[in-house]
Protein backbone atom coordinates (compact mmCIF):
# COMPACT_ATOMS: atom_id res chain seq x y z
CA MET A 1 25.15 -8.12 6.67
CA LYS A 2 27.62 -6.75 9.43
CA LYS A 3 27.36 -8.37 12.83
CA ILE A 4 26.83 -5.06 14.23
CA SER A 5 23.62 -4.55 11.92
CA ILE A 6 22.60 -8.05 13.16
CA VAL A 7 22.95 -6.76 16.92
CA LEU A 8 21.02 -3.92 16.56
CA ILE A 9 18.26 -5.60 14.41
CA PHE A 10 18.12 -8.35 17.37
CA ALA A 11 17.98 -5.24 20.04
CA PHE A 12 14.83 -3.59 18.15
CA LEU A 13 13.02 -6.74 17.90
CA VAL A 14 13.61 -7.56 21.99
CA ILE A 15 12.81 -4.05 22.61
CA PHE A 16 9.79 -4.06 20.49
CA GLY A 17 8.72 -7.42 21.61
CA SER A 18 9.03 -6.33 24.98
CA SER A 19 6.81 -3.31 24.74
CA VAL A 20 4.06 -5.93 22.99
CA ILE A 21 4.17 -7.99 26.07
CA LEU A 22 3.88 -5.68 28.75
CA ASN A 23 1.71 -3.24 26.68
CA PRO A 24 2.56 -0.33 28.88
CA THR A 25 -0.67 1.96 29.39
CA GLY A 26 1.41 4.80 31.32
CA ARG A 27 2.81 7.78 29.41
CA LEU A 28 6.23 7.53 30.85
CA PRO A 29 6.74 3.85 29.81
CA MET A 30 5.46 4.35 26.69
CA MET A 31 7.88 7.04 25.98
CA ILE A 32 10.53 4.70 27.13
CA PHE A 33 9.67 2.28 24.68
CA ALA A 34 8.78 4.67 21.93
CA ILE A 35 12.11 6.48 22.36
CA LEU A 36 14.28 3.26 23.08
CA VAL A 37 12.74 1.76 19.38
CA VAL A 38 13.24 4.93 17.43
CA ILE A 39 16.91 5.10 18.57
CA THR A 40 17.71 1.65 17.64
CA TYR A 41 16.00 1.96 14.16
CA PHE A 42 17.51 4.87 13.45
CA LEU A 43 20.81 3.30 14.23
CA ILE A 44 19.93 -0.06 12.05
CA ALA A 45 18.80 2.34 9.18
CA ARG A 46 22.33 4.24 9.31
CA LYS A 47 24.36 0.91 9.56
CA SER A 48 22.41 -0.49 6.43
CA VAL A 49 19.60 1.49 4.55
CA VAL A 50 18.12 -1.98 3.02
CA ALA A 51 17.89 -3.28 6.57
CA GLY A 52 15.83 0.19 7.44
CA ILE A 53 13.46 -0.40 4.51
CA LEU A 54 12.95 -4.08 5.11
CA LEU A 55 12.04 -3.20 8.88
CA PHE A 56 9.81 -0.27 7.71
CA LEU A 57 7.77 -2.56 5.03
CA LEU A 58 7.60 -5.33 7.84
CA PHE A 59 6.27 -2.67 10.19
CA LEU A 60 3.41 -1.33 7.71
CA PRO A 61 1.01 -4.51 7.55
CA PHE A 62 0.79 -4.39 11.72
CA TYR A 63 0.96 -0.57 12.07
CA ASN A 64 -2.57 -0.84 13.46
CA PHE A 65 -1.54 -3.03 16.07
CA VAL A 66 1.14 -1.01 17.20
CA LYS A 67 -1.36 1.75 17.33
CA TYR A 68 -4.33 0.28 19.16
CA ARG A 69 -2.46 -2.04 21.35
CA ILE A 70 0.80 -0.59 22.08
CA PHE A 71 0.02 3.42 21.85
CA ASN A 72 -3.63 3.09 22.59
CA ASN A 73 -4.56 4.90 19.64
CA SER A 74 -2.65 8.17 20.89
CA MET A 75 -1.11 10.92 18.42
CA MET A 76 2.45 8.93 19.12
CA GLY A 77 0.90 5.88 17.63
CA VAL A 78 -0.54 7.40 14.88
CA ALA A 79 2.46 9.22 14.05
CA SER A 80 4.53 6.17 14.46
CA LYS A 81 4.71 5.21 10.66
CA ASP A 82 5.51 8.86 9.35
CA ILE A 83 8.55 9.13 12.14
CA MET A 84 9.63 5.73 11.32
CA LEU A 85 9.66 6.82 7.23
CA LEU A 86 11.20 10.34 8.45
CA LEU A 87 13.90 8.46 10.45
CA LEU A 88 14.67 6.51 7.24
CA LEU A 89 14.88 9.29 4.91
CA VAL A 90 17.31 11.08 7.33
CA ALA A 91 19.53 8.15 7.82
CA TRP A 92 19.63 7.63 3.95
CA ALA A 93 20.67 11.30 3.38
CA MET A 94 23.21 11.20 6.20
CA ASN A 95 24.93 7.95 4.45
CA LYS A 96 24.42 9.76 1.07
CA VAL A 97 26.58 12.95 2.21
CA LYS A 98 29.09 11.03 3.92
CA SER A 99 29.73 8.92 0.81
CA GLY A 100 29.61 11.45 -1.77
CA GLU A 101 27.79 9.15 -3.98
CA LYS A 102 25.59 10.38 -6.58
CA ILE A 103 21.73 9.62 -6.16
CA LYS A 104 20.27 6.49 -7.96
CA ILE A 105 16.97 7.64 -9.57
CA PRO A 106 15.15 6.82 -12.91
CA PRO A 107 15.17 9.97 -15.17
CA TRP A 108 11.46 9.79 -15.12
CA TRP A 109 11.01 10.31 -11.54
CA MET A 110 12.02 13.81 -12.02
CA MET A 111 9.00 14.64 -13.76
CA ILE A 112 7.21 14.38 -10.66
CA LEU A 113 8.61 17.28 -9.25
CA PRO A 114 6.44 20.11 -10.67
CA TYR A 115 3.56 18.22 -9.54
CA LEU A 116 5.26 18.13 -5.50
CA PHE A 117 5.88 21.95 -5.95
CA ILE A 118 2.27 22.45 -7.14
CA ALA A 119 1.10 20.28 -3.92
CA SER A 120 3.52 21.92 -1.53
CA VAL A 121 2.10 25.53 -2.44
CA ASN A 122 -1.30 24.63 -2.23
CA ILE A 123 -0.95 23.72 1.46
CA ILE A 124 -1.54 27.57 2.30
CA LYS A 125 -5.36 26.97 1.07
CA ALA A 126 -5.38 24.27 3.59
CA PRO A 127 -8.40 24.86 6.15
CA SER A 128 -6.02 24.30 9.10
CA LEU A 129 -2.11 23.73 9.38
CA MET A 130 -2.88 19.97 10.66
CA ALA A 131 -5.16 19.43 7.33
CA GLY A 132 -2.95 20.84 5.35
CA VAL A 133 0.57 18.89 6.77
CA LEU A 134 -1.55 15.68 6.77
CA ASP A 135 -2.09 15.76 3.11
CA TRP A 136 1.35 16.91 2.50
CA ARG A 137 2.55 13.92 3.94
CA ILE A 138 0.74 11.81 1.36
CA MET A 139 0.98 14.20 -1.88
CA VAL A 140 4.08 15.03 -1.23
CA PHE A 141 6.52 13.15 1.54
CA TYR A 142 5.66 9.73 0.66
CA PRO A 143 6.57 9.83 -2.97
CA VAL A 144 9.95 11.99 -2.40
CA CYS A 145 10.80 8.99 0.16
CA SER A 146 10.57 6.92 -2.80
CA LEU A 147 14.30 8.17 -3.58
CA ILE A 148 15.15 5.83 -0.86
CA PHE A 149 14.17 2.74 -2.46
CA PHE A 150 15.29 3.74 -5.86
CA ASP A 151 18.86 4.46 -4.21
CA ALA A 152 19.17 1.66 -2.02
CA ILE A 153 17.93 -1.44 -3.47
CA ASN A 154 20.87 -2.17 -6.20
CA THR A 155 21.64 -5.97 -5.87
CA ARG A 156 19.51 -8.78 -6.85
CA GLU A 157 20.39 -10.80 -3.69
CA LYS A 158 19.32 -7.79 -1.16
CA TYR A 159 15.90 -7.56 -3.30
CA TYR A 160 15.09 -11.13 -3.41
CA LYS A 161 16.06 -11.47 0.39
CA SER A 162 13.84 -8.72 1.08
CA ILE A 163 10.95 -10.39 -0.74
CA ARG A 164 11.44 -13.56 0.97
CA ILE A 165 11.14 -11.84 4.38
CA LEU A 166 8.30 -9.96 3.02
CA SER A 167 6.41 -12.97 1.88
CA TYR A 168 6.60 -14.56 5.46
CA ALA A 169 4.86 -11.30 6.85
CA ALA A 170 2.45 -11.14 4.04
CA LEU A 171 1.36 -15.07 4.93
CA LEU A 172 0.84 -14.19 8.71
CA VAL A 173 -1.61 -11.13 7.74
CA ALA A 174 -3.42 -13.57 5.18
CA GLY A 175 -3.56 -16.12 7.78
CA ILE A 176 -5.39 -13.70 10.54
CA GLY A 177 -7.50 -12.68 7.57
CA ILE A 178 -8.66 -16.17 6.84
CA PHE A 179 -9.12 -17.00 10.67
CA GLN A 180 -11.24 -13.61 10.98
CA ARG A 181 -13.63 -14.75 8.20
CA ILE A 182 -14.05 -18.57 9.44
CA PHE A 183 -14.24 -17.83 12.96
CA PHE A 184 -16.03 -14.63 12.75
CA MET A 185 -18.96 -15.30 14.94
CA LYS A 186 -16.54 -16.19 18.04
CA PHE A 187 -13.27 -14.18 17.33
CA GLY A 188 -13.96 -11.83 14.27
CA ARG A 189 -14.79 -8.76 16.32
CA TRP A 190 -12.11 -9.42 18.80
CA MET A 191 -9.16 -9.78 16.14
CA SER A 192 -10.59 -6.89 14.29
CA GLU A 193 -11.55 -4.30 16.50
CA ASP A 194 -9.87 -5.04 19.80
CA LEU A 195 -6.44 -5.91 18.28
CA PHE A 196 -6.38 -3.74 15.22
CA GLY A 197 -8.81 -1.26 15.36
CA ALA A 198 -11.07 -2.11 12.23
CA ALA A 199 -14.58 -1.72 12.43
CA PHE A 200 -16.65 -5.14 12.02
CA ILE A 201 -18.12 -4.42 8.96
CA LYS A 202 -21.35 -6.30 7.50
CA THR A 203 -22.85 -5.36 4.22
CA MET A 204 -26.66 -5.29 3.33
CA TYR A 205 -26.41 -9.03 2.51
CA GLU A 206 -24.68 -9.97 5.82
CA GLU A 207 -21.33 -10.41 4.18
CA ILE A 208 -18.23 -9.91 6.23
CA PHE A 209 -15.29 -7.30 5.22
CA ILE A 210 -12.18 -9.12 6.63
CA THR A 211 -9.48 -6.42 7.17
CA SER A 212 -7.11 -8.64 8.95
CA THR A 213 -3.99 -6.35 10.65
CA VAL A 214 -4.39 -3.46 8.15
CA GLY A 215 -7.88 -1.89 9.17
CA HIS A 216 -9.34 -1.67 5.60
CA HIS A 217 -10.54 -4.28 3.61
CA GLY A 218 -9.54 -3.04 0.07
CA VAL A 219 -6.04 -2.08 1.56
CA LEU A 220 -5.77 -6.16 2.69
CA GLY A 221 -6.83 -7.11 -0.88
CA LEU A 222 -4.16 -4.97 -2.81
CA TYR A 223 -1.69 -5.89 -0.54
CA MET A 224 -2.11 -9.27 -1.17
CA ILE A 225 -2.09 -8.67 -4.73
CA PHE A 226 1.06 -6.90 -4.32
CA SER A 227 2.42 -10.25 -2.60
CA LEU A 228 1.45 -12.42 -4.75
CA GLY A 229 3.58 -10.54 -7.40
CA LEU A 230 6.73 -10.82 -5.14
CA LEU A 231 6.08 -14.42 -4.48
CA TYR A 232 5.88 -14.79 -8.21
CA ILE A 233 9.26 -13.09 -8.14
CA LEU A 234 10.73 -15.41 -5.96
CA PHE A 235 9.28 -18.67 -7.33
CA ASN A 236 10.86 -17.61 -10.84
CA GLU A 237 14.22 -16.42 -9.41
CA ARG A 238 15.49 -17.83 -6.24
CA ARG A 239 13.05 -20.59 -5.85
CA SER A 240 15.27 -22.25 -3.08
CA MET A 241 15.00 -19.17 -0.67
CA LEU A 242 11.63 -20.72 0.23
CA PRO A 243 10.44 -24.55 0.98
CA ARG A 244 8.71 -25.60 -1.99
CA TRP A 245 5.89 -26.57 -0.02
CA LEU A 246 5.47 -22.99 1.23
CA TYR A 247 4.77 -21.35 -2.37
CA PRO A 248 1.50 -23.30 -3.08
CA VAL A 249 0.37 -22.61 0.65
CA SER A 250 1.35 -19.24 0.44
CA ALA A 251 -0.38 -18.36 -2.86
CA MET A 252 -3.80 -19.85 -1.91
CA SER A 253 -3.56 -18.16 1.60
CA TYR A 254 -3.21 -15.02 -0.41
CA ILE A 255 -6.01 -15.81 -3.03
CA LEU A 256 -8.36 -16.66 0.13
CA ALA A 257 -7.58 -13.24 1.59
CA ILE A 258 -8.48 -11.65 -1.22
CA ILE A 259 -11.77 -13.36 -1.96
CA PHE A 260 -12.93 -12.90 1.56
CA CYS A 261 -11.73 -9.27 1.46
CA ASN A 262 -14.72 -8.78 -0.15
CA ASN A 263 -13.40 -5.71 -2.19
CA ARG A 264 -14.35 -5.45 -5.81
CA THR A 265 -11.26 -3.51 -6.63
CA ALA A 266 -9.36 -6.08 -5.21
CA TRP A 267 -10.91 -8.75 -7.18
CA VAL A 268 -10.60 -7.36 -10.45
CA ALA A 269 -6.79 -6.86 -9.76
CA LEU A 270 -6.63 -10.52 -9.31
CA ILE A 271 -8.35 -11.04 -12.32
CA ILE A 272 -5.61 -8.70 -14.14
CA LEU A 273 -3.04 -10.38 -11.99
CA ALA A 274 -4.29 -13.95 -13.27
CA PHE A 275 -4.50 -12.80 -16.93
CA GLY A 276 -1.13 -11.97 -16.99
CA PHE A 277 0.35 -14.61 -15.48
CA PHE A 278 -1.64 -16.97 -17.94
CA ILE A 279 -0.21 -14.72 -21.21
CA ARG A 280 3.20 -14.87 -19.95
CA GLU A 281 3.32 -18.80 -18.13
CA LYS A 282 2.60 -21.05 -21.37
CA LYS A 283 3.96 -23.91 -19.66
CA ARG A 284 1.91 -23.78 -16.40
CA ARG A 285 -1.40 -22.81 -18.15
CA VAL A 286 -3.24 -26.10 -16.99
CA LEU A 287 -2.16 -25.12 -13.32
CA LEU A 288 -3.21 -21.75 -13.78
CA VAL A 289 -6.94 -22.61 -15.23
CA ILE A 290 -7.40 -25.05 -11.97
CA VAL A 291 -6.65 -22.19 -9.59
CA ALA A 292 -8.70 -19.91 -11.61
CA LEU A 293 -11.58 -22.44 -11.11
CA LEU A 294 -10.80 -22.93 -7.53
CA MET A 295 -10.95 -18.90 -7.41
CA ILE A 296 -14.07 -19.02 -8.88
CA PHE A 297 -15.79 -21.55 -6.58
CA GLY A 298 -14.35 -19.50 -3.48
CA PHE A 299 -16.24 -16.61 -5.08
CA PHE A 300 -19.58 -18.58 -5.00
CA VAL A 301 -19.11 -20.32 -1.84
CA ASN A 302 -18.11 -16.90 -0.22
CA ASN A 303 -20.67 -14.46 -1.13
CA GLN A 304 -22.53 -15.01 -4.04
CA PHE A 305 -20.07 -13.33 -6.17
CA PHE A 306 -21.70 -12.44 -9.36
CA GLN A 307 -25.38 -12.05 -8.16
CA LYS A 308 -24.36 -9.51 -5.22
CA ARG A 309 -21.15 -7.75 -5.41
CA PHE A 310 -20.60 -7.80 -9.14
CA SER A 311 -24.04 -6.97 -10.07
CA ASP A 312 -23.11 -2.92 -9.91
CA ILE A 313 -20.77 -3.97 -12.99
CA VAL A 314 -23.56 -5.46 -14.68
CA ASN A 315 -25.68 -2.54 -13.87
CA PRO A 316 -23.62 0.06 -12.65
CA LEU A 317 -26.87 2.75 -12.70
CA GLY A 318 -29.30 0.02 -10.55
CA GLU A 319 -31.30 1.61 -7.60
CA LYS A 320 -28.92 -0.49 -5.13
CA SER A 321 -25.63 0.03 -7.12
CA SER A 322 -22.84 1.54 -4.94
CA PHE A 323 -21.37 3.13 -8.23
CA ARG A 324 -24.49 5.08 -8.38
CA ILE A 325 -23.52 6.67 -5.27
CA ARG A 326 -19.89 7.34 -6.71
CA PHE A 327 -21.09 8.56 -9.98
CA SER A 328 -23.37 11.20 -8.17
CA GLY A 329 -20.08 12.27 -6.24
CA TRP A 330 -18.13 12.56 -9.30
CA ARG A 331 -20.49 14.70 -10.93
CA GLU A 332 -20.86 16.94 -8.11
CA LYS A 333 -17.05 17.25 -7.11
CA LEU A 334 -16.36 17.83 -11.13
CA LEU A 335 -18.31 20.86 -10.74
CA THR A 336 -16.46 22.16 -7.93
CA GLY A 337 -13.08 21.40 -9.47
CA LEU A 338 -14.15 23.37 -12.62
CA GLU A 339 -14.97 26.32 -10.47
CA HIS A 340 -11.54 26.15 -8.68
CA PRO A 341 -9.08 25.58 -11.59
CA LEU A 342 -5.98 26.48 -9.25
CA GLY A 343 -7.53 24.13 -6.79
CA VAL A 344 -9.54 24.34 -3.42
CA GLY A 345 -5.98 23.42 -1.68
CA LEU A 346 -4.44 20.46 0.52
CA GLY A 347 -6.72 18.97 3.51
CA GLN A 348 -9.92 20.07 1.68
CA VAL A 349 -10.80 16.75 0.37
CA GLY A 350 -10.12 13.15 0.48
CA MET A 351 -8.90 11.17 3.53
CA THR A 352 -7.95 14.23 5.74
CA SER A 353 -10.90 16.33 5.08
CA LYS A 354 -13.54 17.11 7.67
CA SER A 355 -16.42 19.55 7.76
CA ALA A 356 -18.57 20.88 4.70
CA SER A 357 -16.07 22.94 2.90
CA PHE A 358 -16.47 23.14 -0.69
CA GLY A 359 -19.93 20.69 -0.80
CA VAL A 360 -17.82 17.91 0.55
CA ALA A 361 -20.29 16.85 3.05
CA ASN A 362 -23.46 15.21 1.15
CA ASP A 363 -24.95 11.56 1.53
CA LEU A 364 -21.66 9.92 0.78
CA ALA A 365 -20.94 7.23 3.34
CA GLN A 366 -18.52 8.47 6.00
CA TYR A 367 -15.23 6.56 7.14
CA ARG A 368 -13.98 7.07 10.61
CA GLY A 369 -15.11 10.70 10.89
CA TYR A 370 -13.83 11.71 7.58
CA ALA A 371 -15.57 12.50 4.56
CA ARG A 372 -15.22 9.61 1.89
CA VAL A 373 -15.95 12.16 -0.72
CA VAL A 374 -15.55 10.64 -3.96
CA ASP A 375 -13.63 7.26 -3.89
CA ASN A 376 -11.25 8.40 -6.82
CA PHE A 377 -7.96 9.17 -6.38
CA TYR A 378 -7.52 11.36 -9.56
CA PHE A 379 -10.42 13.57 -8.47
CA ILE A 380 -9.26 14.43 -5.49
CA ILE A 381 -6.16 15.43 -7.02
CA PHE A 382 -8.05 17.62 -9.59
CA ILE A 383 -10.03 19.29 -6.95
CA GLU A 384 -7.58 19.90 -4.27
CA LEU A 385 -4.41 20.94 -7.09
CA GLY A 386 -6.52 22.53 -10.02
CA TYR A 387 -5.50 21.96 -13.71
CA PRO A 388 -1.86 22.38 -13.03
CA GLY A 389 -1.31 19.76 -10.23
CA PHE A 390 -3.72 17.11 -11.99
CA LEU A 391 -2.09 17.67 -15.64
CA PHE A 392 1.49 17.35 -14.16
CA PHE A 393 0.34 13.93 -12.32
CA ILE A 394 -1.06 12.61 -15.22
CA MET A 395 2.09 13.42 -17.15
CA PHE A 396 4.33 11.80 -14.51
CA TRP A 397 1.90 8.90 -14.35
CA SER A 398 1.84 8.55 -18.04
CA ILE A 399 5.32 8.56 -18.70
CA LEU A 400 5.87 5.89 -15.52
CA PHE A 401 3.74 3.62 -17.35
CA ASN A 402 5.17 4.15 -20.65
CA TRP A 403 8.72 3.52 -19.11
CA ILE A 404 7.48 0.18 -17.69
CA THR A 405 5.65 -0.92 -20.43
CA LYS A 406 8.93 -0.23 -22.84
CA GLN A 407 10.98 -1.82 -20.21
CA ASN A 408 8.86 -4.99 -20.08
CA ARG A 409 9.03 -5.19 -23.95
CA LYS A 410 12.68 -5.01 -23.46
CA ASN A 411 13.46 -7.21 -20.82
CA ARG A 412 10.89 -10.06 -19.91
CA HIS A 413 12.55 -10.66 -16.63
CA PRO A 414 9.81 -11.55 -13.65
CA VAL A 415 10.58 -8.54 -11.70
CA ILE A 416 9.96 -5.94 -14.59
CA PHE A 417 6.76 -7.97 -15.42
CA VAL A 418 5.62 -7.84 -12.01
CA ALA A 419 6.21 -4.05 -12.03
CA PHE A 420 4.07 -3.69 -15.14
CA LEU A 421 1.08 -5.27 -14.01
CA THR A 422 1.39 -3.75 -10.50
CA THR A 423 1.60 -0.40 -12.24
CA ILE A 424 -1.81 -1.65 -14.41
CA ILE A 425 -3.68 -2.37 -11.25
CA MET A 426 -2.69 0.88 -8.98
CA THR A 427 -3.92 2.72 -12.14
CA VAL A 428 -7.15 0.99 -12.40
CA ALA A 429 -7.54 0.78 -8.29
CA ASN A 430 -7.07 4.59 -7.97
CA ILE A 431 -10.02 4.89 -10.54
CA THR A 432 -12.55 3.41 -7.67
CA GLY A 433 -10.75 4.76 -4.18
CA VAL A 434 -7.49 6.61 -3.12
CA TYR A 435 -5.48 3.52 -2.52
CA PHE A 436 -2.52 4.99 -3.66
CA ASN A 437 -2.70 7.56 -0.46
CA PHE A 438 -2.33 4.46 1.98
CA ILE A 439 1.10 4.50 2.84
CA LEU A 440 1.24 0.41 2.75
CA LEU A 441 0.19 0.06 -0.73
CA GLN A 442 2.15 3.31 -1.73
CA MET A 443 5.64 2.28 -0.21
CA TYR A 444 5.15 -1.45 -1.47
CA PHE A 445 4.19 0.06 -4.81
CA TRP A 446 7.65 2.22 -4.91
CA PHE A 447 9.50 -1.24 -3.73
CA ILE A 448 8.28 -3.03 -6.46
CA ILE A 449 8.75 -0.24 -9.25
CA ALA A 450 12.43 0.04 -7.33
CA GLY A 451 12.96 -3.59 -8.06
CA ALA A 452 12.34 -2.83 -11.57
CA PHE A 453 14.34 -0.10 -12.05
CA ALA A 454 17.22 -2.08 -10.56
CA GLU A 455 16.86 -4.52 -12.84
CA SER A 456 16.95 -2.23 -15.96
CA ASN A 457 20.14 -0.79 -14.78
CA GLU A 458 22.27 -3.74 -15.83
CA LYS A 459 25.75 -1.83 -14.48
CA ALA A 460 23.40 -1.40 -10.98
CA LEU A 461 22.65 -5.36 -10.68
CA PRO A 462 25.72 -7.51 -10.92
CA LYS A 463 24.81 -10.73 -12.63
CA THR A 464 25.03 -13.02 -9.28
């Protein structure tokens, strides 16, 4: 990395650190800090897009802290992640124009263009400009920005060094989550609500949903899953990049955070990941069995795993089952989708929807003032974008899944293998949630897939 990039990164950290320590409350000091951070970050991204990507990925798990503690939940704080991503996109585009180089993207990526076009057109049906823009940001802007990852991540060393730094950040997030769970009676509420703006949730069984720094227990669980996959890559490919003792410490910390988050989707994802590792790692199966036993013990100690949270799977239509509520919502929203074959428009359902438009308001739980709706990403696409948008998205996702499956059969490299498992996990997770809509998970997903694309392109990845 060039000296100028190092100096800029150091300046960025100093400015950002100063804003955390001083915690400005006035509008003018807040604006000054924000402008300094924006300028410094843009200069870093212009000098090194990979450095810009890394800083952005490091920022995402701590976004809630910045939003609530530095920007006092103002619009500036809410938009900080999107501003940062936009700056990264502009810096990358300017570098490409200046160099005249072609954009390196996988051929299957072009299949997402019809879906992006339909999503953009459907903004005209939004209940308000703000709702439409917010949903367009999730449906269109975030996927478009995946181009940056595919184009910029083109050497193994850059990828592995990024994973090393991201692993440290994930360990910090896991540690905070474990602390929240163990000391929740004394510090849990303070570390959840006061620092990170996350609701301090207890279930009907008096269980704790830890959220760590990310503000949502399900997002925390899947973020830890992705981090486990990245740690696996580093362990197999560049083991010397981390101290040997840090691998088991990090892995167990991630797993504990997954257990304590009390999210069934994350638990199922952990089972998928563990099963994949078990099939692949023939020499380490005894170790994996021991870890699996410890996981099961952790589930029992934490919350009577099988009797409570997973009772919904045994009896999904039981009287107290949360799946029963989901099924009811899915049935109702399916009728809404069938009645509007071209979609009801962006911003009508999902994370950005309010009000009772199109039958959204029902007895389903409310999440921070927004209608929870269906807890199914595919249903939301079907309702908002209609048959064309849904079919084009499924077509794109199927082609992506088929590509990563073929690459995994052809090249058993850990990077491709982890991307294969991640794609399976995200496919399953979107059935019971809208996890792909969360920028943290979507950007980490594209980062992992970009690593697989680079690994599959032997010319782009020198054997170093």
